[in-house]
């Protein structure tokens, strides 16, 4: 049970819940304060319905580990298969373990006089308090600290898109990896806490009072709104905060709807806009989903439908710029809001799209003039040799008129480039890059390198998504982590239906039902067949995850032989070469 075994120092904490009664700690240096970092494993997520299966805790003071506490706990009930898969704790392992009535008093004595710390403290403290109340055990801990709250306040979203313990452990390169076992996770949390404290040490945060002032706290008005989340299920889905006029203020996704929406009423989100949004909200609607992929797709569609004022992205999924090869006799590249028969995109920035179009047009020799040629039999923009402009002339300028047989190979080269059937245009661009470098025109070479990199990335993305959007129907299975399967029926780059087959349920009848009830999708114009680029991208990334299986498809999912995908290593090297120049 409890031991005094020393382990490597280091740790991390975050303040999530702060109860009244923390004045004794207010002006004490965190370095001189005894802290107990605790982690629990349980049979589920409800403190009232589920039970504790393991407790692990690490006592620290002055940056040193001064004690550890670890024990399995007999929950007195069966452990669900998905929990066994997640934690590795089986019913056989806890058969001879003590019950919580014997373990909790020992833990209270181990941690007495310390501040409790946990990663997602609301979860761990909820179980500990509930069991203490049920067993009529005095609970002497008046404050608790949460590393989730601390990470959300201290780290940017670019650094930590998620504040899961495993993500933070990777970010800080901790020596003990989280394993979903209580003591390992507590040790990892200790290290994460210390790394987070280092981030704020130079901002005058050294005492308990200073740290709690630095972190967001929930106001009574905010806590009073928790009732808006009480009706939500503990299932994956999409939630919509609605305002006084029933307008949608904010849309988000969650793997556990109730827990995610509840987090908005704790004051832990450092974004002022979110606090403002929550105070305006009068109710929360939800759409329950089969799995996270369906939730992500529904979120994108709801954002497009409602354009909520407090969402910053994805409210206009069809906006973007396309590089379009015009269907004229002497075709050229133009920038358009809508795709054409032969097009590349979408690209978020018009200037970027124009730069890529100019680069490709120049390499292929397509005309850049906008003269209407109609049914003309030739194109002639004079080159410099025969009196044309020295700078800014047409990319198809020549010393004699170009007939259709002269010009069509240039159009074909661009068609093949967009389709991934040939990349000779990229070879031409890289040859020019080498020429500039050999001539020691390094500034020009760097600009050419950056433009080629951007062109390759755009081509690769469009070709990937086009390969998916071409398929009339694709049925994909993704393991759910508990012995079952998550299914998606994808038609022309859009999610037509989604469902799950839990462990022990025959999967193919579920697949047949999803295919029969799926949404009918009619293909549209352009390489993405009318699919929103963000939805198609989300589906493609899901398909590429490990252990995903293709159940059925109307045609193969494959990239063309000369896809820009094979040049992504070159593009990545070009981006890395660009960074030092930017930093300087």
Protein backbone atom coordinates (compact mmCIF):
# COMPACT_ATOMS: atom_id res chain seq x y z
CA UNK A 1 0.00 0.00 0.00
CA UNK A 2 1.83 3.15 1.13
CA UNK A 3 5.61 3.22 0.79
CA UNK A 4 8.48 5.64 1.07
CA UNK A 5 10.17 4.56 -2.15
CA UNK A 6 11.83 7.54 -3.80
CA UNK A 7 11.46 8.08 -7.50
CA UNK A 8 12.89 10.69 -9.89
CA UNK A 9 11.81 14.21 -8.94
CA UNK A 10 9.85 16.38 -11.28
CA UNK A 11 6.17 16.98 -11.56
CA UNK A 12 3.32 18.98 -12.84
CA UNK A 13 0.16 20.38 -11.37
CA UNK A 14 -2.70 22.52 -12.39
CA UNK A 15 -5.41 24.21 -10.38
CA UNK A 16 -8.86 23.17 -11.39
CA UNK A 17 -11.07 23.30 -8.34
CA UNK A 18 -10.50 25.67 -5.47
CA UNK A 19 -12.80 25.37 -2.49
CA UNK A 20 -13.16 27.87 0.32
CA UNK A 21 -10.71 27.41 3.10
CA UNK A 22 -7.42 27.67 1.21
CA UNK A 23 -6.20 30.70 3.18
CA UNK A 24 -3.66 28.64 5.13
CA UNK A 25 -1.80 28.03 1.87
CA UNK A 26 -2.23 31.47 0.32
CA UNK A 27 1.15 33.05 0.91
CA UNK A 28 3.18 29.87 1.21
CA UNK A 29 5.74 29.25 -1.51
CA UNK A 30 4.74 26.36 -3.72
CA UNK A 31 8.32 25.13 -3.40
CA UNK A 32 7.83 24.78 0.38
CA UNK A 33 4.31 23.35 0.20
CA UNK A 34 3.62 19.63 0.47
CA UNK A 35 1.60 18.42 -2.50
CA UNK A 36 0.10 15.01 -3.19
CA UNK A 37 -0.47 14.22 -6.85
CA UNK A 38 -3.18 11.56 -7.10
CA UNK A 39 -4.63 9.51 -9.93
CA UNK A 40 -7.50 7.02 -9.94
CA UNK A 41 -8.59 4.20 -12.17
CA UNK A 42 -12.31 3.44 -12.06
CA UNK A 43 -14.99 1.26 -13.62
CA UNK A 44 -16.56 4.25 -15.39
CA UNK A 45 -17.08 8.00 -15.33
CA UNK A 46 -19.83 8.45 -12.73
CA UNK A 47 -18.79 8.97 -9.06
CA UNK A 48 -22.21 7.78 -7.91
CA UNK A 49 -22.64 4.76 -10.20
CA UNK A 50 -19.06 3.55 -10.72
CA UNK A 51 -16.29 2.42 -8.37
CA UNK A 52 -12.55 2.94 -7.87
CA UNK A 53 -10.23 0.10 -8.98
CA UNK A 54 -6.82 1.67 -8.24
CA UNK A 55 -5.30 4.63 -6.38
CA UNK A 56 -1.81 5.97 -7.03
CA UNK A 57 -0.31 9.04 -5.39
CA UNK A 58 3.05 10.80 -5.19
CA UNK A 59 3.92 13.18 -2.32
CA UNK A 60 6.31 15.99 -3.28
CA UNK A 61 7.93 18.91 -1.51
CA UNK A 62 10.71 21.22 -2.66
CA UNK A 63 10.90 19.47 -6.02
CA UNK A 64 11.62 16.10 -4.43
CA UNK A 65 9.52 12.97 -4.13
CA UNK A 66 9.11 12.15 -0.44
CA UNK A 67 6.63 9.29 -0.63
CA UNK A 68 4.37 7.20 -2.80
CA UNK A 69 1.06 5.42 -2.28
CA UNK A 70 -0.27 2.74 -4.61
CA UNK A 71 -2.86 -0.01 -4.31
CA UNK A 72 -5.44 -1.87 -6.32
CA UNK A 73 -8.99 -1.66 -4.98
CA UNK A 74 -11.70 -4.32 -5.14
CA UNK A 75 -14.64 -2.40 -6.65
CA UNK A 76 -17.19 -5.01 -5.55
CA UNK A 77 -18.62 -5.16 -9.05
CA UNK A 78 -17.65 -6.34 -12.54
CA UNK A 79 -15.18 -4.30 -14.56
CA UNK A 80 -16.53 -3.47 -18.06
CA UNK A 81 -14.52 -4.97 -20.97
CA UNK A 82 -13.66 -1.55 -22.40
CA UNK A 83 -12.15 -0.51 -19.05
CA UNK A 84 -10.10 -3.70 -18.92
CA UNK A 85 -8.83 -2.92 -22.43
CA UNK A 86 -7.96 0.65 -21.44
CA UNK A 87 -6.27 0.06 -18.08
CA UNK A 88 -5.28 -3.59 -18.16
CA UNK A 89 -6.86 -4.05 -14.72
CA UNK A 90 -8.83 -7.30 -14.67
CA UNK A 91 -11.26 -8.73 -12.13
CA UNK A 92 -8.68 -11.39 -11.27
CA UNK A 93 -6.16 -8.68 -10.34
CA UNK A 94 -8.52 -7.02 -7.84
CA UNK A 95 -9.96 -10.26 -6.43
CA UNK A 96 -7.73 -10.20 -3.33
CA UNK A 97 -7.34 -6.40 -3.19
CA UNK A 98 -8.72 -4.40 -0.22
CA UNK A 99 -12.08 -2.66 -0.51
CA UNK A 100 -12.29 1.13 -0.64
CA UNK A 101 -13.41 1.24 2.99
CA UNK A 102 -9.94 0.02 4.02
CA UNK A 103 -7.98 1.98 1.42
CA UNK A 104 -9.48 5.46 1.70
CA UNK A 105 -8.62 6.06 5.41
CA UNK A 106 -5.02 5.06 4.67
CA UNK A 107 -4.89 7.48 1.74
CA UNK A 108 -6.33 10.29 3.86
CA UNK A 109 -3.56 9.79 6.42
CA UNK A 110 -0.90 9.63 3.70
CA UNK A 111 -2.07 12.95 2.18
CA UNK A 112 -3.14 14.78 5.37
CA UNK A 113 -1.86 18.36 5.50
CA UNK A 114 -1.08 18.47 1.78
CA UNK A 115 -2.77 20.06 -1.21
CA UNK A 116 -4.20 17.44 -3.55
CA UNK A 117 -3.34 17.70 -7.23
CA UNK A 118 -4.73 15.70 -10.16
CA UNK A 119 -4.96 15.77 -13.90
CA UNK A 120 -8.66 16.59 -14.40
CA UNK A 121 -9.15 17.09 -10.67
CA UNK A 122 -12.92 17.31 -10.94
CA UNK A 123 -13.02 13.63 -11.92
CA UNK A 124 -10.64 12.32 -9.23
CA UNK A 125 -11.93 14.59 -6.45
CA UNK A 126 -15.50 13.67 -7.33
CA UNK A 127 -14.81 9.97 -6.77
CA UNK A 128 -12.80 10.53 -3.59
CA UNK A 129 -15.38 12.87 -2.03
CA UNK A 130 -18.28 10.63 -3.01
CA UNK A 131 -16.65 7.59 -1.42
CA UNK A 132 -15.69 9.54 1.70
CA UNK A 133 -19.28 10.69 2.11
CA UNK A 134 -20.66 7.21 1.48
CA UNK A 135 -18.31 5.70 4.07
CA UNK A 136 -18.78 8.58 6.54
CA UNK A 137 -15.05 9.34 6.47
CA UNK A 138 -13.94 12.89 7.31
CA UNK A 139 -12.56 14.61 4.20
CA UNK A 140 -9.99 17.19 5.41
CA UNK A 141 -8.88 18.54 2.02
CA UNK A 142 -10.33 21.96 1.31
CA UNK A 143 -8.43 22.77 -1.87
CA UNK A 144 -7.48 20.79 -4.94
CA UNK A 145 -5.39 21.68 -7.96
CA UNK A 146 -5.85 20.56 -11.57
CA UNK A 147 -3.15 20.30 -14.21
CA UNK A 148 -5.75 20.42 -16.99
CA UNK A 149 -6.76 23.93 -15.92
CA UNK A 150 -3.17 24.97 -15.59
CA UNK A 151 -2.23 23.67 -19.02
CA UNK A 152 -5.19 25.43 -20.68
CA UNK A 153 -4.11 28.73 -19.10
CA UNK A 154 -0.36 28.47 -19.67
CA UNK A 155 0.00 26.69 -23.01
CA UNK A 156 -1.15 27.92 -26.40
CA UNK A 157 -3.38 25.80 -28.62
CA UNK A 158 -0.55 25.56 -31.13
CA UNK A 159 1.66 24.00 -28.45
CA UNK A 160 -1.01 21.75 -27.00
CA UNK A 161 -4.11 21.25 -29.18
CA UNK A 162 -5.25 18.82 -26.47
CA UNK A 163 -4.51 18.81 -22.74
CA UNK A 164 -4.66 15.04 -22.38
CA UNK A 165 -1.95 13.74 -20.08
CA UNK A 166 -0.35 11.74 -22.90
CA UNK A 167 -0.15 14.86 -25.09
CA UNK A 168 1.45 16.93 -22.33
CA UNK A 169 3.83 14.10 -21.53
CA UNK A 170 4.99 14.11 -25.17
CA UNK A 171 5.28 17.91 -25.17
CA UNK A 172 7.50 17.97 -22.08
CA UNK A 173 9.35 14.69 -22.76
CA UNK A 174 8.64 13.31 -19.29
CA UNK A 175 10.62 10.32 -18.07
CA UNK A 176 7.57 8.33 -16.89
CA UNK A 177 5.02 7.58 -19.61
CA UNK A 178 1.28 7.61 -18.80
CA UNK A 179 -0.10 4.07 -19.04
CA UNK A 180 -3.66 4.41 -17.65
CA UNK A 181 -2.31 2.89 -14.43
CA UNK A 182 -2.68 5.08 -11.36
CA UNK A 183 0.90 5.35 -10.07
CA UNK A 184 2.47 5.79 -13.53
CA UNK A 185 -0.03 8.51 -14.38
CA UNK A 186 0.53 10.25 -11.04
CA UNK A 187 4.30 10.22 -11.60
CA UNK A 188 3.85 11.63 -15.11
CA UNK A 189 1.55 14.33 -13.74
CA UNK A 190 4.21 15.37 -11.22
CA UNK A 191 6.68 16.03 -14.04
CA UNK A 192 4.13 17.88 -16.13
CA UNK A 193 3.25 20.11 -13.17
CA UNK A 194 6.86 21.13 -12.60
CA UNK A 195 7.27 21.93 -16.30
CA UNK A 196 4.16 24.11 -16.22
CA UNK A 197 5.39 25.94 -13.11
CA UNK A 198 8.65 26.69 -14.89
CA UNK A 199 6.65 28.44 -17.62
CA UNK A 200 5.08 30.91 -15.16
CA UNK A 201 7.94 31.31 -12.68
CA UNK A 202 9.22 34.42 -14.47
CA UNK A 203 5.74 35.97 -14.37
CA UNK A 204 5.74 36.45 -10.60
CA UNK A 205 3.92 33.20 -9.84
CA UNK A 206 5.60 31.57 -6.86
CA UNK A 207 2.98 31.18 -4.16
CA UNK A 208 -0.36 29.45 -3.93
CA UNK A 209 -2.18 32.82 -3.93
CA UNK A 210 -0.28 34.03 -7.00
CA UNK A 211 -0.98 30.85 -8.89
CA UNK A 212 -4.70 30.84 -8.09
CA UNK A 213 -4.92 34.50 -9.12
CA UNK A 214 -3.20 33.64 -12.39
CA UNK A 215 -5.67 30.86 -13.17
CA UNK A 216 -9.31 31.43 -14.18
CA UNK A 217 -12.01 30.77 -11.60
CA UNK A 218 -15.71 30.18 -11.91
CA UNK A 219 -18.13 32.88 -10.79
CA UNK A 220 -21.45 32.10 -9.01
CA UNK A 221 -23.33 33.30 -12.11
CA UNK A 222 -21.33 30.90 -14.25
CA UNK A 223 -21.83 27.96 -11.90
CA UNK A 224 -25.56 28.65 -11.82
CA UNK A 225 -25.73 27.80 -15.52
CA UNK A 226 -24.58 24.20 -14.96
CA UNK A 227 -28.20 23.09 -15.07
CA UNK A 228 -28.09 23.63 -18.85
CA UNK A 229 -25.87 20.54 -19.12
CA UNK A 230 -27.79 18.21 -16.83
CA UNK A 231 -29.92 16.71 -19.61
CA UNK A 232 -26.96 15.89 -21.86
CA UNK A 233 -25.87 12.26 -22.36
CA UNK A 234 -22.37 10.98 -21.69
CA UNK A 235 -22.02 10.07 -25.36
CA UNK A 236 -20.13 11.50 -28.37
CA UNK A 237 -21.86 14.26 -30.23
CA UNK A 238 -22.21 17.93 -31.11
CA UNK A 239 -23.42 20.65 -28.76
CA UNK A 240 -24.93 24.03 -29.64
CA UNK A 241 -25.07 26.97 -27.23
CA UNK A 242 -28.15 29.08 -28.03
CA UNK A 243 -28.77 32.71 -27.14
CA UNK A 244 -31.86 34.64 -25.99
CA UNK A 245 -33.30 34.81 -29.52
CA UNK A 246 -32.65 31.12 -30.13
CA UNK A 247 -29.63 32.00 -32.27
CA UNK A 248 -26.70 29.58 -32.28
CA UNK A 249 -23.79 31.18 -30.44
CA UNK A 250 -21.25 28.38 -30.54
CA UNK A 251 -20.91 24.82 -31.89
CA UNK A 252 -18.46 22.21 -30.64
CA UNK A 253 -17.85 18.46 -30.47
CA UNK A 254 -17.20 16.13 -27.54
CA UNK A 255 -16.54 12.48 -26.84
CA UNK A 256 -18.61 12.97 -23.65
CA UNK A 257 -21.23 15.68 -24.17
CA UNK A 258 -22.16 16.26 -20.54
CA UNK A 259 -18.59 16.45 -19.27
CA UNK A 260 -17.46 18.77 -22.07
CA UNK A 261 -20.34 21.21 -21.69
CA UNK A 262 -19.97 21.18 -17.89
CA UNK A 263 -16.37 22.34 -18.34
CA UNK A 264 -17.63 25.66 -19.76
CA UNK A 265 -19.14 26.52 -16.37
CA UNK A 266 -15.92 26.09 -14.35
CA UNK A 267 -14.23 29.29 -15.53
CA UNK A 268 -11.22 27.28 -16.71
CA UNK A 269 -11.28 28.48 -20.30
CA UNK A 270 -8.87 31.45 -20.56
CA UNK A 271 -10.58 32.88 -23.66
CA UNK A 272 -12.66 35.96 -22.73
CA UNK A 273 -14.96 35.34 -25.70
CA UNK A 274 -15.96 31.96 -24.30
CA UNK A 275 -16.89 33.42 -20.90
CA UNK A 276 -18.94 36.07 -22.70
CA UNK A 277 -20.65 33.42 -24.83
CA UNK A 278 -21.56 31.25 -21.83
CA UNK A 279 -23.08 34.23 -20.00
CA UNK A 280 -25.25 34.99 -23.04
CA UNK A 281 -26.40 31.39 -23.52
CA UNK A 282 -29.84 30.33 -22.31
CA UNK A 283 -29.78 26.67 -23.32
CA UNK A 284 -27.64 23.93 -24.86
CA UNK A 285 -28.94 21.68 -27.63
CA UNK A 286 -27.15 18.55 -28.74
CA UNK A 287 -26.94 15.98 -31.50
CA UNK A 288 -25.85 12.55 -30.29
CA UNK A 289 -23.50 10.80 -32.72
CA UNK A 290 -22.29 7.26 -33.28
CA UNK A 291 -18.62 8.19 -32.94
CA UNK A 292 -16.13 11.05 -33.07
CA UNK A 293 -15.95 11.14 -36.87
CA UNK A 294 -19.67 11.69 -37.24
CA UNK A 295 -19.50 14.37 -34.56
CA UNK A 296 -16.72 16.14 -36.44
CA UNK A 297 -18.64 16.09 -39.70
CA UNK A 298 -21.86 17.28 -38.10
CA UNK A 299 -19.96 20.09 -36.42
CA UNK A 300 -18.64 21.29 -39.80
CA UNK A 301 -22.13 21.18 -41.32
CA UNK A 302 -23.71 23.02 -38.40
CA UNK A 303 -21.01 25.67 -38.53
CA UNK A 304 -21.75 26.18 -42.21
CA UNK A 305 -25.50 26.32 -41.60
CA UNK A 306 -25.49 28.73 -38.63
CA UNK A 307 -22.17 30.67 -38.86
CA UNK A 308 -22.09 31.09 -35.04
CA UNK A 309 -20.67 34.40 -33.85
CA UNK A 310 -18.29 32.79 -31.33
CA UNK A 311 -16.75 30.18 -33.65
CA UNK A 312 -13.68 31.48 -35.40
CA UNK A 313 -13.27 28.89 -38.17
CA UNK A 314 -15.06 26.57 -40.56
CA UNK A 315 -18.16 28.74 -40.90
CA UNK A 316 -17.76 29.00 -44.69
CA UNK A 317 -16.65 25.56 -45.89
CA UNK A 318 -17.09 26.32 -49.60
CA UNK A 319 -15.12 29.58 -49.52
CA UNK A 320 -11.68 29.47 -51.04
CA UNK A 321 -9.99 30.12 -54.33
CA UNK A 322 -9.57 27.75 -57.25
CA UNK A 323 -6.98 27.79 -60.01
CA UNK A 324 -9.06 26.99 -63.08
CA UNK A 325 -7.86 26.04 -66.55
CA UNK A 326 -10.26 27.88 -68.83
CA UNK A 327 -12.02 25.83 -71.56
CA UNK A 328 -10.96 28.25 -74.33
CA UNK A 329 -9.18 27.15 -77.51
CA UNK A 330 -6.02 28.71 -76.07
CA UNK A 331 -6.65 27.99 -72.40
CA UNK A 332 -5.11 29.94 -69.53
CA UNK A 333 -5.17 29.78 -65.74
CA UNK A 334 -7.53 32.05 -63.85
CA UNK A 335 -8.47 32.46 -60.17
CA UNK A 336 -12.11 31.73 -59.37
CA UNK A 337 -14.40 31.18 -56.41
CA UNK A 338 -15.86 28.10 -58.11
CA UNK A 339 -14.04 25.11 -59.58
CA UNK A 340 -14.14 24.16 -63.22
CA UNK A 341 -13.66 20.91 -65.09
CA UNK A 342 -9.88 21.17 -64.66
CA UNK A 343 -8.97 23.01 -61.48
CA UNK A 344 -6.74 23.01 -58.41
CA UNK A 345 -7.74 24.01 -54.91
CA UNK A 346 -9.35 25.27 -52.87
CA UNK A 347 -6.71 27.66 -51.56
CA UNK A 348 -7.50 29.89 -48.60
CA UNK A 349 -5.65 33.00 -49.76
CA UNK A 350 -6.19 34.62 -53.16
CA UNK A 351 -2.63 35.93 -53.34
CA UNK A 352 -1.27 32.42 -52.73
CA UNK A 353 -3.55 31.03 -55.42
CA UNK A 354 -2.41 33.72 -57.89
CA UNK A 355 1.25 33.01 -57.09
CA UNK A 356 0.85 29.27 -57.68
CA UNK A 357 -1.11 29.87 -60.90
CA UNK A 358 1.58 32.25 -62.17
CA UNK A 359 4.33 29.75 -61.35
CA UNK A 360 2.59 26.85 -63.12
CA UNK A 361 1.57 28.98 -66.09
CA UNK A 362 5.11 30.27 -66.54
CA UNK A 363 6.65 26.78 -66.35
CA UNK A 364 4.10 25.30 -68.77
CA UNK A 365 4.13 28.29 -71.14
CA UNK A 366 0.41 29.02 -70.85
CA UNK A 367 -0.66 32.49 -71.87
CA UNK A 368 -1.15 34.99 -69.06
CA UNK A 369 -2.77 37.64 -71.25
CA UNK A 370 -6.53 38.05 -70.93
CA UNK A 371 -7.25 38.78 -74.57
CA UNK A 372 -10.50 37.19 -75.78
CA UNK A 373 -9.46 34.88 -78.61
CA UNK A 374 -12.82 33.27 -79.35
CA UNK A 375 -12.40 31.01 -82.36
CA UNK A 376 -8.99 32.43 -83.24
CA UNK A 377 -6.66 30.09 -85.10
CA UNK A 378 -3.53 31.31 -83.36
CA UNK A 379 -2.18 33.17 -80.34
CA UNK A 380 0.60 35.71 -80.60
CA UNK A 381 1.96 37.87 -77.84
CA UNK A 382 5.30 39.16 -79.07
CA UNK A 383 8.44 38.18 -77.21
CA UNK A 384 11.18 40.68 -76.41
CA UNK A 385 13.16 39.58 -79.48
CA UNK A 386 10.44 40.82 -81.82
CA UNK A 387 9.43 43.99 -80.00
CA UNK A 388 7.49 42.70 -77.02
CA UNK A 389 7.85 44.04 -73.45
CA UNK A 390 11.00 43.13 -71.56
CA UNK A 391 9.23 42.74 -68.21
CA UNK A 392 5.69 41.59 -67.46
CA UNK A 393 4.92 40.09 -70.81
CA UNK A 394 2.69 37.10 -71.55
CA UNK A 395 4.05 33.71 -70.46
CA UNK A 396 3.29 32.36 -73.95
CA UNK A 397 5.10 35.20 -75.72
CA UNK A 398 6.91 34.02 -78.86
CA UNK A 399 8.68 35.24 -81.96
CA UNK A 400 5.93 33.87 -84.21
CA UNK A 401 2.19 33.07 -83.91
CA UNK A 402 1.37 29.88 -81.98
CA UNK A 403 -1.16 27.60 -83.64
CA UNK A 404 -3.36 25.09 -81.80
CA UNK A 405 -0.93 22.19 -82.42
CA UNK A 406 1.83 24.38 -80.99
CA UNK A 407 -0.18 25.34 -77.92
CA UNK A 408 -2.17 22.23 -76.96
CA UNK A 409 0.80 20.30 -75.48
CA UNK A 410 1.13 23.10 -72.92
CA UNK A 411 -2.52 22.72 -71.93
CA UNK A 412 -2.09 18.95 -71.74
CA UNK A 413 0.91 19.35 -69.41
CA UNK A 414 -1.17 21.38 -66.95
CA UNK A 415 -4.11 18.96 -67.18
CA UNK A 416 -1.77 16.07 -66.41
CA UNK A 417 -0.15 18.00 -63.56
CA UNK A 418 -3.49 18.68 -61.87
CA UNK A 419 -4.62 15.07 -62.38
CA UNK A 420 -1.33 13.61 -61.17
CA UNK A 421 -0.66 11.85 -64.47
CA UNK A 422 2.60 13.73 -65.11
CA UNK A 423 4.77 16.13 -63.14
CA UNK A 424 7.09 17.40 -65.85
CA UNK A 425 6.01 20.94 -64.95
CA UNK A 426 7.46 20.44 -61.44
CA UNK A 427 10.66 19.12 -63.03
CA UNK A 428 10.85 22.34 -65.06
CA UNK A 429 10.39 24.42 -61.91
CA UNK A 430 13.06 22.58 -59.94
CA UNK A 431 15.47 22.85 -62.89
CA UNK A 432 15.02 26.63 -62.80
CA UNK A 433 15.65 26.56 -59.05
CA UNK A 434 18.97 24.78 -59.61
CA UNK A 435 19.88 27.29 -62.32
CA UNK A 436 19.28 30.21 -59.96
CA UNK A 437 21.30 28.53 -57.25
CA UNK A 438 24.20 27.76 -59.60
CA UNK A 439 24.18 31.40 -60.67
CA UNK A 440 24.46 32.36 -56.97
CA UNK A 441 21.15 34.25 -57.15
CA UNK A 442 20.28 32.99 -53.70
CA UNK A 443 17.45 35.40 -52.86
CA UNK A 444 15.66 34.53 -56.09
CA UNK A 445 16.36 30.83 -55.52
CA UNK A 446 14.85 31.01 -52.03
CA UNK A 447 11.69 32.64 -53.37
CA UNK A 448 11.45 30.02 -56.11
CA UNK A 449 11.94 27.22 -53.55
CA UNK A 450 9.15 28.55 -51.33
CA UNK A 451 6.75 28.86 -54.26
CA UNK A 452 7.50 25.34 -55.47
CA UNK A 453 6.94 24.00 -51.94
CA UNK A 454 3.55 25.73 -51.72
CA UNK A 455 2.62 24.39 -55.17
CA UNK A 456 3.56 20.80 -54.24
CA UNK A 457 1.57 20.96 -50.99
CA UNK A 458 -1.52 22.29 -52.79
CA UNK A 459 -1.29 19.69 -55.55
CA UNK A 460 -0.81 16.83 -53.08
CA UNK A 461 -3.80 17.84 -50.97
CA UNK A 462 -6.10 18.30 -53.95
CA UNK A 463 -5.04 14.97 -55.48
CA UNK A 464 -5.54 13.12 -52.18
CA UNK A 465 -9.02 14.47 -51.68
CA UNK A 466 -9.93 14.06 -55.34
CA UNK A 467 -9.04 10.36 -55.10
CA UNK A 468 -11.54 10.02 -52.23
CA UNK A 469 -14.26 12.22 -53.75
CA UNK A 470 -14.21 10.28 -57.01
CA UNK A 471 -15.45 7.11 -55.28
CA UNK A 472 -19.23 6.71 -55.44
CA UNK A 473 -19.38 4.66 -52.23
CA UNK A 474 -16.75 3.63 -49.71
CA UNK A 475 -17.51 1.73 -46.48
CA UNK A 476 -14.79 1.98 -43.83
CA UNK A 477 -14.41 0.29 -40.43
CA UNK A 478 -12.38 1.75 -37.56
CA UNK A 479 -11.72 -0.22 -34.33
CA UNK A 480 -13.45 1.38 -31.34
CA UNK A 481 -10.80 0.29 -28.83
CA UNK A 482 -13.15 -2.05 -26.97
CA UNK A 483 -13.43 -4.95 -29.40
CA UNK A 484 -16.09 -3.37 -31.61
CA UNK A 485 -16.14 -1.37 -34.83
CA UNK A 486 -17.04 2.16 -35.90
CA UNK A 487 -18.39 2.41 -39.45
CA UNK A 488 -18.60 5.22 -41.98
CA UNK A 489 -20.33 5.16 -45.36
CA UNK A 490 -18.67 7.77 -47.56
CA UNK A 491 -20.11 8.90 -50.89
CA UNK A 492 -18.21 11.31 -53.13
CA UNK A 493 -16.22 12.71 -50.21
CA UNK A 494 -19.19 13.18 -47.87
CA UNK A 495 -20.34 11.16 -44.88
CA UNK A 496 -23.57 9.45 -45.90
CA UNK A 497 -24.14 7.47 -42.68
CA UNK A 498 -22.33 6.35 -39.54
CA UNK A 499 -22.82 3.65 -36.93
CA UNK A 500 -21.17 1.22 -34.54
CA UNK A 501 -21.13 -2.51 -33.90
CA UNK A 502 -20.28 -3.09 -30.26
CA UNK A 503 -18.24 -6.06 -29.18
CA UNK A 504 -20.23 -9.25 -29.70
CA UNK A 505 -22.54 -7.71 -32.34
CA UNK A 506 -22.30 -9.11 -35.88
CA UNK A 507 -20.87 -6.23 -37.95
CA UNK A 508 -22.15 -6.95 -41.46
CA UNK A 509 -25.87 -6.54 -40.70
CA UNK A 510 -24.97 -3.13 -39.25
CA UNK A 511 -23.06 -2.27 -42.42
CA UNK A 512 -25.99 -3.36 -44.63
CA UNK A 513 -28.37 -1.16 -42.64
CA UNK A 514 -26.04 1.86 -42.86
CA UNK A 515 -25.62 1.45 -46.62
CA UNK A 516 -29.38 1.10 -47.15
CA UNK A 517 -30.24 4.14 -45.01
CA UNK A 518 -27.35 6.38 -46.08
CA UNK A 519 -27.84 9.82 -47.57
CA UNK A 520 -27.95 10.02 -51.36
CA UNK A 521 -25.05 12.16 -52.61
CA UNK A 522 -25.03 13.55 -56.14
CA UNK A 523 -21.56 14.53 -57.38
CA UNK A 524 -20.96 18.16 -58.20
CA UNK A 525 -18.41 20.08 -60.25
CA UNK A 526 -14.67 20.10 -59.82
CA UNK A 527 -12.11 17.60 -58.54
CA UNK A 528 -13.86 17.31 -55.15
CA UNK A 529 -17.25 16.63 -56.78
CA UNK A 530 -18.84 19.40 -54.71
CA UNK A 531 -17.69 18.04 -51.33
CA UNK A 532 -16.62 20.66 -48.73
CA UNK A 533 -12.84 20.50 -48.46
CA UNK A 534 -12.81 20.33 -44.65
CA UNK A 535 -15.26 17.43 -44.54
CA UNK A 536 -13.36 15.52 -47.22
CA UNK A 537 -10.10 16.19 -45.39
CA UNK A 538 -11.54 14.96 -42.09
CA UNK A 539 -12.76 11.76 -43.73
CA UNK A 540 -9.43 11.16 -45.49
CA UNK A 541 -7.45 11.54 -42.24
CA UNK A 542 -9.80 9.09 -40.50
CA UNK A 543 -9.32 6.55 -43.27
CA UNK A 544 -5.54 6.85 -42.90
CA UNK A 545 -5.52 6.05 -39.16
CA UNK A 546 -3.90 2.75 -38.05
CA UNK A 547 -5.92 -0.49 -38.22
CA UNK A 548 -8.68 1.03 -40.38
CA UNK A 549 -10.21 -1.43 -42.85
CA UNK A 550 -12.05 -0.92 -46.12
CA UNK A 551 -15.20 -3.04 -45.96
CA UNK A 552 -16.54 -2.32 -49.44
CA UNK A 553 -15.93 0.16 -52.24
CA UNK A 554 -17.23 0.80 -55.73
CA UNK A 555 -13.68 1.50 -56.95
CA UNK A 556 -10.17 1.53 -55.58
CA UNK A 557 -8.83 4.30 -53.38
CA UNK A 558 -5.47 5.12 -54.97
CA UNK A 559 -3.34 8.13 -55.79
CA UNK A 560 -2.17 8.69 -59.40
CA UNK A 561 1.30 7.47 -60.32
CA UNK A 562 2.80 10.96 -60.61
CA UNK A 563 0.97 12.47 -57.65
CA UNK A 564 2.68 15.36 -55.88
CA UNK A 565 2.46 13.20 -52.74
CA UNK A 566 5.80 11.64 -53.68
CA UNK A 567 7.44 15.08 -53.50
CA UNK A 568 6.20 15.98 -50.01
CA UNK A 569 9.57 15.10 -48.47
CA UNK A 570 11.16 17.68 -50.75
CA UNK A 571 8.52 20.21 -49.73
CA UNK A 572 9.06 19.49 -46.03
CA UNK A 573 12.81 19.98 -46.43
CA UNK A 574 12.14 23.28 -48.20
CA UNK A 575 9.94 24.47 -45.33
CA UNK A 576 12.55 23.54 -42.75
CA UNK A 577 15.19 25.43 -44.75
CA UNK A 578 12.91 28.47 -44.73
CA UNK A 579 12.61 28.68 -40.93
CA UNK A 580 16.12 29.96 -40.07
CA UNK A 581 15.75 32.69 -42.69
CA UNK A 582 12.45 33.78 -41.14
CA UNK A 583 13.86 33.69 -37.64
CA UNK A 584 16.73 35.96 -38.71
